[in-house]
């Protein structure tokens, strides 16, 4: 049955109609808070050229009147940019607030401009409010892996100051996850180094935070003064061996430089049928170099972290309480 712009479906189907923009308002508890302006303008241009491909979803709002958006806030905002006075909407009758929230999450969670913290708070809300919800069920609901959801949730363990830096794009998500694994005090140490400009890139933060986590998890840090004579001897021998090895690598570098200075045609004439085999040889060397470089980066991070890491269980307990308070403030 049709009546003007109103289309009525059976009870099993939602109702679709054209609403005045003034009748529609956003859901203040929806998971998205940040909307990329450039992306919204692109969407508005698309809608202006091709029309609205998919109606937004709304529900009757008995408290405020009109309709509250369940899914499609970006499309609604694009209509605002275009100065449109009407929008096509599907009216649904879901009464469960959490289900409406999950529908909105489902629409937005795959969008690149949904921030990691919006995702994390959304997952946490479902875990807190949905009976029987687990990380596994949440992951399945949004077609994510449990590891992915756990890493997003880990971001909620960050100090507020670090959360703000991540939100501003100054610290990447991968580095943020590594920092989140640290206790409150050690997060503060990373933050201090970051503020002083001691990290040239996110990769350095990852290395440093990973090193701090390993040392943080140790029950006792080995102090040279507390070593036995046997331990001192073993340490000295290991130091000598490693340094000699690295000295030999410098000699290899000189040999590689010699190859690098040789013209390709000359190399082809000299090596003849061995060119392919020698190239494979250098590939193996390059692979080993990459692994060794990674280990030395970690060693550098450990050396820097050793002076800063906190493994005091009492400090850890105090920091957990402070961190909990910060999370409550962040959610307020």
Protein backbone atom coordinates (compact mmCIF):
# COMPACT_ATOMS: atom_id res chain seq x y z
CA UNK A 1 0.00 0.00 0.00
CA UNK A 2 1.33 3.46 -0.96
CA UNK A 3 0.22 6.88 0.26
CA UNK A 4 2.26 9.80 -1.02
CA UNK A 5 5.85 9.34 0.11
CA UNK A 6 4.86 6.76 2.71
CA UNK A 7 5.46 3.10 1.96
CA UNK A 8 4.04 0.55 4.39
CA UNK A 9 5.33 -3.01 4.61
CA UNK A 10 4.08 -6.03 6.48
CA UNK A 11 4.87 -6.39 10.17
CA UNK A 12 7.92 -8.49 9.30
CA UNK A 13 9.43 -5.62 7.30
CA UNK A 14 10.49 -2.11 8.29
CA UNK A 15 8.69 0.99 7.06
CA UNK A 16 10.40 3.37 4.66
CA UNK A 17 9.51 7.00 4.00
CA UNK A 18 10.97 10.39 3.18
CA UNK A 19 11.51 12.44 6.36
CA UNK A 20 12.26 16.09 6.90
CA UNK A 21 15.86 16.61 7.97
CA UNK A 22 14.54 18.55 10.96
CA UNK A 23 12.76 15.41 12.15
CA UNK A 24 15.99 13.41 12.34
CA UNK A 25 18.71 13.67 15.00
CA UNK A 26 21.84 11.72 15.85
CA UNK A 27 22.13 9.15 18.60
CA UNK A 28 24.35 10.69 21.32
CA UNK A 29 25.48 7.20 22.36
CA UNK A 30 26.47 6.02 18.92
CA UNK A 31 30.05 4.70 18.63
CA UNK A 32 31.29 7.25 16.11
CA UNK A 33 32.49 10.61 17.42
CA UNK A 34 34.99 11.63 14.73
CA UNK A 35 33.95 12.24 11.12
CA UNK A 36 36.56 13.06 8.48
CA UNK A 37 35.49 16.30 6.81
CA UNK A 38 37.09 15.49 3.44
CA UNK A 39 35.41 12.08 3.35
CA UNK A 40 32.05 13.65 4.20
CA UNK A 41 32.45 16.17 1.38
CA UNK A 42 33.27 13.32 -1.03
CA UNK A 43 30.14 11.48 0.09
CA UNK A 44 28.06 14.63 -0.32
CA UNK A 45 29.38 15.05 -3.88
CA UNK A 46 28.50 11.43 -4.64
CA UNK A 47 24.97 11.80 -3.24
CA UNK A 48 24.48 15.04 -5.16
CA UNK A 49 25.51 13.31 -8.39
CA UNK A 50 23.98 9.85 -8.03
CA UNK A 51 21.40 10.25 -5.25
CA UNK A 52 21.18 8.40 -1.94
CA UNK A 53 21.98 4.76 -2.76
CA UNK A 54 20.89 3.40 0.64
CA UNK A 55 18.35 4.90 3.01
CA UNK A 56 19.44 5.72 6.54
CA UNK A 57 17.90 3.73 9.39
CA UNK A 58 16.03 5.51 12.18
CA UNK A 59 13.77 4.70 15.10
CA UNK A 60 10.92 6.74 16.57
CA UNK A 61 12.20 8.73 19.55
CA UNK A 62 9.40 8.95 22.13
CA UNK A 63 11.47 11.15 24.45
CA UNK A 64 12.81 13.84 22.12
CA UNK A 65 10.29 13.42 19.34
CA UNK A 66 11.08 12.80 15.71
CA UNK A 67 13.51 10.05 14.82
CA UNK A 68 16.92 8.97 16.11
CA UNK A 69 19.54 7.67 13.69
CA UNK A 70 20.38 4.00 14.11
CA UNK A 71 22.62 3.69 11.05
CA UNK A 72 23.67 6.20 8.41
CA UNK A 73 24.87 9.29 10.26
CA UNK A 74 27.48 9.98 7.57
CA UNK A 75 24.74 10.04 4.91
CA UNK A 76 22.66 12.35 7.13
CA UNK A 77 25.62 14.69 7.63
CA UNK A 78 26.27 14.69 3.89
CA UNK A 79 22.66 15.81 3.35
CA UNK A 80 23.32 18.65 5.80
CA UNK A 81 26.36 19.72 3.77
CA UNK A 82 24.23 19.75 0.62
CA UNK A 83 21.54 21.79 2.36
CA UNK A 84 18.93 19.11 1.71
CA UNK A 85 15.66 19.43 3.60
CA UNK A 86 14.54 15.80 3.25
CA UNK A 87 16.14 12.36 3.47
CA UNK A 88 14.99 8.84 2.68
CA UNK A 89 14.84 6.69 5.82
CA UNK A 90 13.93 3.17 6.87
CA UNK A 91 12.03 3.22 10.14
CA UNK A 92 12.80 0.29 12.43
CA UNK A 93 11.19 -0.64 15.69
CA UNK A 94 14.11 -2.07 17.68
CA UNK A 95 13.51 -1.31 21.34
CA UNK A 96 16.77 -2.65 22.70
CA UNK A 97 19.27 0.22 23.01
CA UNK A 98 22.28 -2.12 22.94
CA UNK A 99 21.02 -3.79 19.76
CA UNK A 100 20.68 -0.38 18.12
CA UNK A 101 24.21 0.40 19.25
CA UNK A 102 25.50 -2.85 17.74
CA UNK A 103 23.78 -2.09 14.46
CA UNK A 104 25.51 1.29 14.36
CA UNK A 105 28.84 -0.31 15.29
CA UNK A 106 28.39 -2.89 12.54
CA UNK A 107 27.93 -0.18 9.93
CA UNK A 108 30.91 1.89 11.07
CA UNK A 109 33.49 -0.60 12.28
CA UNK A 110 34.85 -1.31 8.81
CA UNK A 111 35.28 2.36 7.94
CA UNK A 112 38.86 3.61 7.90
CA UNK A 113 37.99 6.87 9.63
CA UNK A 114 36.46 5.23 12.70
CA UNK A 115 39.10 5.81 15.34
CA UNK A 116 40.65 2.89 17.27
CA UNK A 117 39.31 4.33 20.54
CA UNK A 118 35.76 4.54 19.18
CA UNK A 119 36.07 0.87 18.32
CA UNK A 120 37.58 0.00 21.70
CA UNK A 121 34.88 1.82 23.69
CA UNK A 122 32.22 0.18 21.52
CA UNK A 123 33.56 -3.31 22.15
CA UNK A 124 33.91 -2.60 25.86
CA UNK A 125 30.33 -1.35 26.12
CA UNK A 126 29.03 -4.56 24.56
CA UNK A 127 31.14 -6.65 26.93
CA UNK A 128 29.82 -4.64 29.89
CA UNK A 129 26.15 -4.56 28.94
CA UNK A 130 25.35 -7.67 26.91
CA UNK A 131 24.63 -10.76 28.98
CA UNK A 132 27.04 -13.57 28.19
CA UNK A 133 29.18 -11.44 25.88
CA UNK A 134 32.83 -12.46 25.55
CA UNK A 135 35.69 -11.22 23.43
CA UNK A 136 35.06 -14.22 21.18
CA UNK A 137 31.36 -13.38 20.66
CA UNK A 138 32.13 -9.71 20.08
CA UNK A 139 34.77 -10.62 17.50
CA UNK A 140 32.30 -12.92 15.74
CA UNK A 141 29.58 -10.24 15.73
CA UNK A 142 31.82 -7.86 13.79
CA UNK A 143 33.77 -10.40 11.70
CA UNK A 144 37.01 -9.64 13.52
CA UNK A 145 39.59 -11.94 15.06
CA UNK A 146 39.75 -12.23 18.83
CA UNK A 147 43.32 -10.92 18.68
CA UNK A 148 42.14 -7.80 16.84
CA UNK A 149 39.47 -7.09 19.46
CA UNK A 150 41.90 -7.71 22.31
CA UNK A 151 44.41 -5.25 20.83
CA UNK A 152 41.72 -2.60 20.45
CA UNK A 153 40.57 -3.14 24.04
CA UNK A 154 44.16 -2.86 25.22
CA UNK A 155 44.15 0.79 24.14
CA UNK A 156 41.78 1.55 27.02
CA UNK A 157 44.64 0.74 29.42
CA UNK A 158 46.64 3.73 28.18
CA UNK A 159 47.23 6.83 30.26
CA UNK A 160 44.92 9.66 29.24
CA UNK A 161 47.85 11.75 27.96
CA UNK A 162 48.93 8.95 25.63
CA UNK A 163 45.35 8.34 24.48
CA UNK A 164 45.20 11.99 23.44
CA UNK A 165 48.43 11.64 21.44
CA UNK A 166 47.05 8.56 19.68
CA UNK A 167 43.78 10.33 18.93
CA UNK A 168 45.75 13.23 17.46
CA UNK A 169 47.67 10.85 15.21
CA UNK A 170 51.02 11.60 16.87
CA UNK A 171 51.46 7.99 18.05
CA UNK A 172 50.35 5.10 15.84
CA UNK A 173 48.06 2.27 16.89
CA UNK A 174 50.80 -0.39 16.79
CA UNK A 175 53.03 1.64 19.10
CA UNK A 176 50.06 2.45 21.33
CA UNK A 177 49.28 -1.24 21.82
CA UNK A 178 52.87 -1.89 22.91
CA UNK A 179 52.73 1.02 25.37
CA UNK A 180 49.39 -0.20 26.74
CA UNK A 181 51.07 -3.42 27.89
CA UNK A 182 53.18 -1.41 30.35
CA UNK A 183 52.26 -0.43 33.88
CA UNK A 184 51.28 3.16 34.62
CA UNK A 185 54.77 4.22 35.71
CA UNK A 186 56.50 2.74 32.66
CA UNK A 187 53.94 4.31 30.35
CA UNK A 188 54.95 7.59 31.94
CA UNK A 189 58.60 6.90 31.09
CA UNK A 190 57.71 6.32 27.44
CA UNK A 191 55.60 9.47 27.45
CA UNK A 192 58.47 11.53 28.86
CA UNK A 193 60.86 10.31 26.15
CA UNK A 194 58.25 11.05 23.50
CA UNK A 195 57.66 14.58 24.78
CA UNK A 196 61.42 15.21 24.75
CA UNK A 197 61.48 14.20 21.09
CA UNK A 198 63.69 11.14 21.63
CA UNK A 199 61.74 8.92 19.22
CA UNK A 200 62.35 9.57 15.54
CA UNK A 201 59.53 7.25 14.42
CA UNK A 202 56.78 4.97 15.70
CA UNK A 203 59.03 1.98 15.08
CA UNK A 204 61.41 3.22 17.76
CA UNK A 205 58.54 3.50 20.23
CA UNK A 206 57.55 -0.09 19.45
CA UNK A 207 61.09 -1.33 20.13
CA UNK A 208 61.44 0.67 23.33
CA UNK A 209 58.03 -0.29 24.77
CA UNK A 210 58.58 -3.95 23.89
CA UNK A 211 61.93 -3.90 25.67
CA UNK A 212 60.40 -2.23 28.72
CA UNK A 213 57.65 -4.86 28.85
CA UNK A 214 60.17 -7.70 28.84
CA UNK A 215 62.16 -6.10 31.65
CA UNK A 216 59.00 -5.12 33.54
CA UNK A 217 57.92 -8.77 33.59
CA UNK A 218 61.18 -9.95 35.12
CA UNK A 219 60.94 -10.60 38.86
CA UNK A 220 64.51 -9.37 39.45
CA UNK A 221 66.79 -7.39 37.16
CA UNK A 222 70.32 -8.78 37.14
CA UNK A 223 72.69 -6.24 38.63
CA UNK A 224 76.41 -6.55 37.79
CA UNK A 225 77.49 -5.88 41.38
CA UNK A 226 75.41 -8.85 42.57
CA UNK A 227 76.94 -11.36 40.10
CA UNK A 228 79.03 -14.31 41.24
CA UNK A 229 82.60 -14.60 39.99
CA UNK A 230 81.51 -17.33 37.58
CA UNK A 231 78.76 -15.13 36.17
CA UNK A 232 81.21 -12.26 35.73
CA UNK A 233 83.60 -14.51 33.81
CA UNK A 234 80.83 -15.78 31.54
CA UNK A 235 79.63 -12.23 30.94
CA UNK A 236 83.12 -11.01 30.02
CA UNK A 237 83.60 -13.92 27.59
CA UNK A 238 80.21 -13.24 25.94
CA UNK A 239 81.04 -9.53 25.61
CA UNK A 240 84.39 -10.29 23.95
CA UNK A 241 82.89 -12.82 21.54
CA UNK A 242 80.03 -10.55 20.46
CA UNK A 243 82.29 -7.54 19.96
CA UNK A 244 84.75 -9.61 17.90
CA UNK A 245 81.87 -10.84 15.75
CA UNK A 246 80.65 -7.30 15.09
CA UNK A 247 84.22 -6.22 14.24
CA UNK A 248 84.38 -8.99 11.61
CA UNK A 249 81.08 -7.76 10.14
CA UNK A 250 82.75 -4.41 9.47
CA UNK A 251 85.37 -6.29 7.41
CA UNK A 252 82.56 -7.98 5.46
CA UNK A 253 81.05 -4.54 4.78
CA UNK A 254 84.32 -3.47 3.14
CA UNK A 255 84.18 -6.54 0.90
CA UNK A 256 80.59 -5.78 -0.05
CA UNK A 257 81.54 -2.20 -0.86
CA UNK A 258 84.17 -3.59 -3.25
CA UNK A 259 81.49 -5.63 -5.05
CA UNK A 260 79.20 -2.59 -5.13
CA UNK A 261 81.89 -0.56 -6.92
CA UNK A 262 82.35 -3.18 -9.63
CA UNK A 263 80.47 -2.61 -12.88
CA UNK A 264 77.69 -5.16 -13.64
CA UNK A 265 79.23 -6.16 -16.98
CA UNK A 266 82.57 -6.85 -15.30
CA UNK A 267 80.81 -8.96 -12.62
CA UNK A 268 79.03 -10.97 -15.32
CA UNK A 269 82.31 -11.65 -17.12
CA UNK A 270 84.11 -12.58 -13.91
CA UNK A 271 81.44 -14.81 -12.36
CA UNK A 272 80.18 -16.34 -15.61
CA UNK A 273 77.68 -19.10 -14.70
CA UNK A 274 77.88 -18.37 -10.96
CA UNK A 275 76.01 -15.06 -11.07
CA UNK A 276 72.67 -16.55 -9.95
CA UNK A 277 74.23 -18.60 -7.15
CA UNK A 278 76.20 -15.59 -5.88
CA UNK A 279 73.07 -13.45 -5.92
CA UNK A 280 71.32 -16.08 -3.79
CA UNK A 281 74.31 -15.93 -1.45
CA UNK A 282 73.92 -12.17 -1.00
CA UNK A 283 70.16 -12.58 -0.45
CA UNK A 284 70.93 -14.92 2.46
CA UNK A 285 73.41 -12.39 3.82
CA UNK A 286 70.79 -9.62 3.53
CA UNK A 287 68.23 -11.74 5.37
CA UNK A 288 70.69 -12.45 8.18
CA UNK A 289 71.60 -8.76 8.32
CA UNK A 290 67.93 -7.80 8.71
CA UNK A 291 67.51 -10.22 11.61
CA UNK A 292 70.74 -9.10 13.29
CA UNK A 293 69.76 -5.45 12.89
CA UNK A 294 66.41 -6.16 14.55
CA UNK A 295 68.17 -7.79 17.49
CA UNK A 296 70.51 -4.83 17.90
CA UNK A 297 67.58 -2.41 17.76
CA UNK A 298 66.00 -4.39 20.57
CA UNK A 299 69.30 -4.40 22.45
CA UNK A 300 69.50 -0.61 22.13
CA UNK A 301 65.94 -0.32 23.43
CA UNK A 302 66.77 -2.60 26.36
CA UNK A 303 69.83 -0.54 27.23
CA UNK A 304 67.76 2.65 27.24
CA UNK A 305 64.87 1.04 29.12
CA UNK A 306 67.01 -0.49 31.86
CA UNK A 307 67.49 2.85 33.61
CA UNK A 308 63.78 3.67 33.51
CA UNK A 309 61.82 0.46 33.95
CA UNK A 310 59.70 0.05 37.09
CA UNK A 311 59.01 -3.45 38.41
CA UNK A 312 57.90 -2.44 41.90
CA UNK A 313 54.66 -4.38 42.61
CA UNK A 314 53.44 -1.71 45.06
CA UNK A 315 53.93 1.01 42.46
CA UNK A 316 52.12 -1.23 40.00
CA UNK A 317 49.13 -1.53 42.31
CA UNK A 318 48.99 2.22 42.91
CA UNK A 319 49.28 2.95 39.21
CA UNK A 320 46.46 0.51 38.39
CA UNK A 321 44.14 2.44 40.70
CA UNK A 322 45.15 5.75 39.09
CA UNK A 323 44.76 4.22 35.64
CA UNK A 324 41.25 3.05 36.52
CA UNK A 325 40.34 6.55 37.61
CA UNK A 326 41.69 7.95 34.35
CA UNK A 327 39.59 5.50 32.35
CA UNK A 328 36.46 6.59 34.23
CA UNK A 329 37.27 10.21 33.39
CA UNK A 330 37.84 9.31 29.75
CA UNK A 331 34.47 7.60 29.54
CA UNK A 332 32.63 10.48 31.26
